[in-house]
Amino acid sequence: MLQVREVTFTTDKVSRPFTLLHISDIQSPAVGDYEAGVFERIRAINPDLIVHTGDLLQPTAPATYQTELPRLAALFHTLTPPMGMYMVQGDTTGPLRYATPAQTGGIRYLLNQDARIDLEGIHVRLYGLTLRSSTSHTWARDGIRRWLNEDPRALNIVM
């Protein structure tokens, strides 16, 4: 069920407004008309940056990751956010852990990695946790704190 919520955040860490779209839990059993409608809605929002926090697919036989990922990638290829698209691993996306942006429609996987995005006065840093790291209280407390302190002037986002 598609749910769209609009939230406005104000911070002095960016010099102009931008639209960040957060997608989560698509968990599609098979990609079809419903998913195409969701992506039509995403294109209408026209985001500057897209983050996906896991669970792209959950194929149900006869569908498989091999049949559905190209269909979902084709939909992601229709999106053109100038700041890019990034995702992290969910609990149903283990088989996609090492998928390349070409295989996922242009989305870059962040697996305990960060990405720095600079566009027209906006400096954003993303950090993508792996599923395992996201459940580690020690890592969250120590590792993320260190990462956040590396560039406190940036808009830092942990996924």
Protein backbone atom coordinates (compact mmCIF):
# COMPACT_ATOMS: atom_id res chain seq x y z
CA MET A 1 0.00 0.00 0.00
CA LEU A 2 1.50 3.28 -1.12
CA GLN A 3 1.82 5.89 1.61
CA VAL A 4 3.17 9.34 0.84
CA ARG A 5 3.98 11.79 3.62
CA GLU A 6 5.49 15.20 3.20
CA VAL A 7 7.69 16.52 5.99
CA THR A 8 9.61 19.79 5.94
CA PHE A 9 12.89 20.07 7.84
CA THR A 10 14.69 23.34 8.36
CA THR A 11 18.43 23.48 8.89
CA ASP A 12 21.19 25.99 8.35
CA LYS A 13 23.30 23.16 6.91
CA VAL A 14 21.90 23.68 3.41
CA SER A 15 21.78 26.93 1.47
CA ARG A 16 18.61 26.21 -0.50
CA PRO A 17 15.62 23.87 -0.33
CA PHE A 18 15.82 20.45 -1.91
CA THR A 19 13.56 17.41 -2.05
CA LEU A 20 14.77 14.15 -0.58
CA LEU A 21 12.54 11.16 -1.30
CA HIS A 22 12.76 8.23 1.09
CA ILE A 23 11.53 4.90 -0.26
CA SER A 24 11.30 1.81 1.88
CA ASP A 25 9.93 -1.70 1.72
CA ILE A 26 8.78 -2.00 -1.87
CA GLN A 27 8.98 -5.80 -1.28
CA SER A 28 7.39 -6.50 -4.62
CA PRO A 29 6.49 -10.15 -5.25
CA ALA A 30 6.47 -9.40 -9.01
CA VAL A 31 6.92 -6.07 -10.78
CA GLY A 32 3.88 -4.92 -12.73
CA ASP A 33 1.27 -2.19 -13.14
CA TYR A 34 1.14 -1.27 -9.43
CA GLU A 35 4.88 -0.64 -9.29
CA ALA A 36 4.71 1.34 -12.55
CA GLY A 37 2.08 3.56 -10.89
CA VAL A 38 4.28 4.08 -7.85
CA PHE A 39 7.15 5.21 -10.06
CA GLU A 40 4.83 7.55 -11.93
CA ARG A 41 4.04 9.14 -8.58
CA ILE A 42 7.76 9.38 -7.76
CA ARG A 43 8.45 11.14 -11.07
CA ALA A 44 5.67 13.63 -10.27
CA ILE A 45 7.38 14.47 -6.96
CA ASN A 46 10.58 15.18 -8.93
CA PRO A 47 13.04 14.57 -6.06
CA ASP A 48 16.58 15.91 -5.95
CA LEU A 49 17.84 12.91 -3.98
CA ILE A 50 16.39 9.43 -3.46
CA VAL A 51 17.29 7.10 -0.60
CA HIS A 52 15.92 3.59 -0.32
CA THR A 53 16.20 1.89 3.04
CA GLY A 54 15.85 -1.71 2.05
CA ASP A 55 13.70 -4.48 0.71
CA LEU A 56 13.31 -3.83 -2.99
CA LEU A 57 11.98 -7.26 -3.87
CA GLN A 58 10.45 -10.28 -2.23
CA PRO A 59 9.74 -12.47 -5.27
CA THR A 60 7.00 -15.05 -5.11
CA ALA A 61 7.29 -18.06 -7.44
CA PRO A 62 7.31 -18.22 -10.37
CA ALA A 63 8.96 -14.79 -10.06
CA THR A 64 12.62 -14.69 -8.99
CA TYR A 65 15.24 -12.03 -8.38
CA GLN A 66 16.55 -12.79 -11.87
CA THR A 67 13.16 -12.09 -13.49
CA GLU A 68 12.09 -9.12 -11.37
CA LEU A 69 15.26 -7.10 -10.81
CA PRO A 70 15.55 -6.08 -14.50
CA ARG A 71 11.89 -4.92 -14.43
CA LEU A 72 12.43 -2.90 -11.26
CA ALA A 73 15.73 -1.54 -12.60
CA ALA A 74 13.93 -0.33 -15.72
CA LEU A 75 11.56 1.66 -13.50
CA PHE A 76 14.43 3.15 -11.51
CA HIS A 77 16.11 4.13 -14.79
CA THR A 78 13.14 6.45 -15.42
CA LEU A 79 14.15 8.54 -12.39
CA THR A 80 16.74 11.29 -12.74
CA PRO A 81 17.40 12.93 -9.37
CA PRO A 82 20.38 15.29 -9.80
CA MET A 83 21.87 14.24 -6.43
CA GLY A 84 21.56 10.53 -7.20
CA MET A 85 19.93 7.44 -5.73
CA TYR A 86 21.32 5.40 -2.84
CA MET A 87 20.14 2.34 -0.94
CA VAL A 88 20.96 0.03 1.91
CA GLN A 89 20.35 -3.65 2.40
CA GLY A 90 17.08 -4.84 3.87
CA ASP A 91 16.25 -8.23 5.30
CA THR A 92 14.79 -9.49 1.99
CA THR A 93 17.51 -8.17 -0.30
CA GLY A 94 20.44 -10.40 0.61
CA PRO A 95 20.78 -11.71 -2.96
CA LEU A 96 21.19 -8.13 -4.19
CA ARG A 97 23.98 -7.20 -1.80
CA TYR A 98 26.61 -6.99 -4.52
CA ALA A 99 24.38 -5.69 -7.31
CA THR A 100 25.90 -2.87 -9.33
CA PRO A 101 24.14 0.41 -10.11
CA ALA A 102 23.69 -0.85 -13.67
CA GLN A 103 21.78 -3.87 -12.33
CA THR A 104 19.62 -1.81 -9.95
CA GLY A 105 18.61 0.98 -12.28
CA GLY A 106 21.22 3.49 -11.18
CA ILE A 107 20.94 3.08 -7.42
CA ARG A 108 24.21 2.87 -5.53
CA TYR A 109 24.34 0.40 -2.63
CA LEU A 110 26.02 1.72 0.52
CA LEU A 111 27.30 -1.18 2.63
CA ASN A 112 28.98 0.39 5.66
CA GLN A 113 30.09 3.11 3.28
CA ASP A 114 29.45 6.79 2.84
CA ALA A 115 28.72 9.02 -0.10
CA ARG A 116 29.37 12.73 -0.36
CA ILE A 117 27.07 14.80 -2.49
CA ASP A 118 27.73 18.42 -3.41
CA LEU A 119 25.29 20.27 -5.61
CA GLU A 120 24.74 24.02 -5.86
CA GLY A 121 25.41 24.88 -2.23
CA ILE A 122 24.09 21.66 -0.77
CA HIS A 123 26.59 19.40 0.99
CA VAL A 124 25.07 16.08 2.04
CA ARG A 125 26.82 13.05 3.47
CA LEU A 126 25.04 9.70 3.51
CA TYR A 127 26.13 6.68 5.49
CA GLY A 128 24.59 3.34 4.64
CA LEU A 129 24.67 0.65 7.28
CA THR A 130 24.52 -3.02 6.48
CA LEU A 131 21.67 -4.94 8.06
CA ARG A 132 24.04 -6.49 10.57
CA SER A 133 25.66 -3.18 11.51
CA SER A 134 22.30 -1.50 11.97
CA THR A 135 21.48 -3.87 14.82
CA SER A 136 24.81 -3.40 16.64
CA HIS A 137 24.43 -0.94 19.50
CA THR A 138 28.20 -0.71 19.93
CA TRP A 139 28.77 0.11 16.28
CA ALA A 140 25.90 2.58 16.24
CA ARG A 141 27.19 4.36 19.31
CA ASP A 142 30.89 4.46 18.38
CA GLY A 143 31.12 4.14 14.60
CA ILE A 144 28.31 6.46 13.68
CA ARG A 145 29.37 9.07 16.23
CA ARG A 146 32.87 9.11 14.71
CA TRP A 147 31.43 9.44 11.22
CA LEU A 148 29.08 12.27 12.26
CA ASN A 149 31.97 14.20 13.79
CA GLU A 150 34.07 14.01 10.60
CA ASP A 151 32.09 16.81 8.97
CA PRO A 152 29.55 18.36 11.36
CA ARG A 153 28.87 21.22 8.91
CA ALA A 154 27.37 18.83 6.36
CA LEU A 155 23.83 17.55 6.37
CA ASN A 156 24.66 14.05 7.63
CA ILE A 157 22.12 11.29 7.04
CA VAL A 158 22.48 7.73 8.33
CA MET A 159 20.53 5.06 6.46
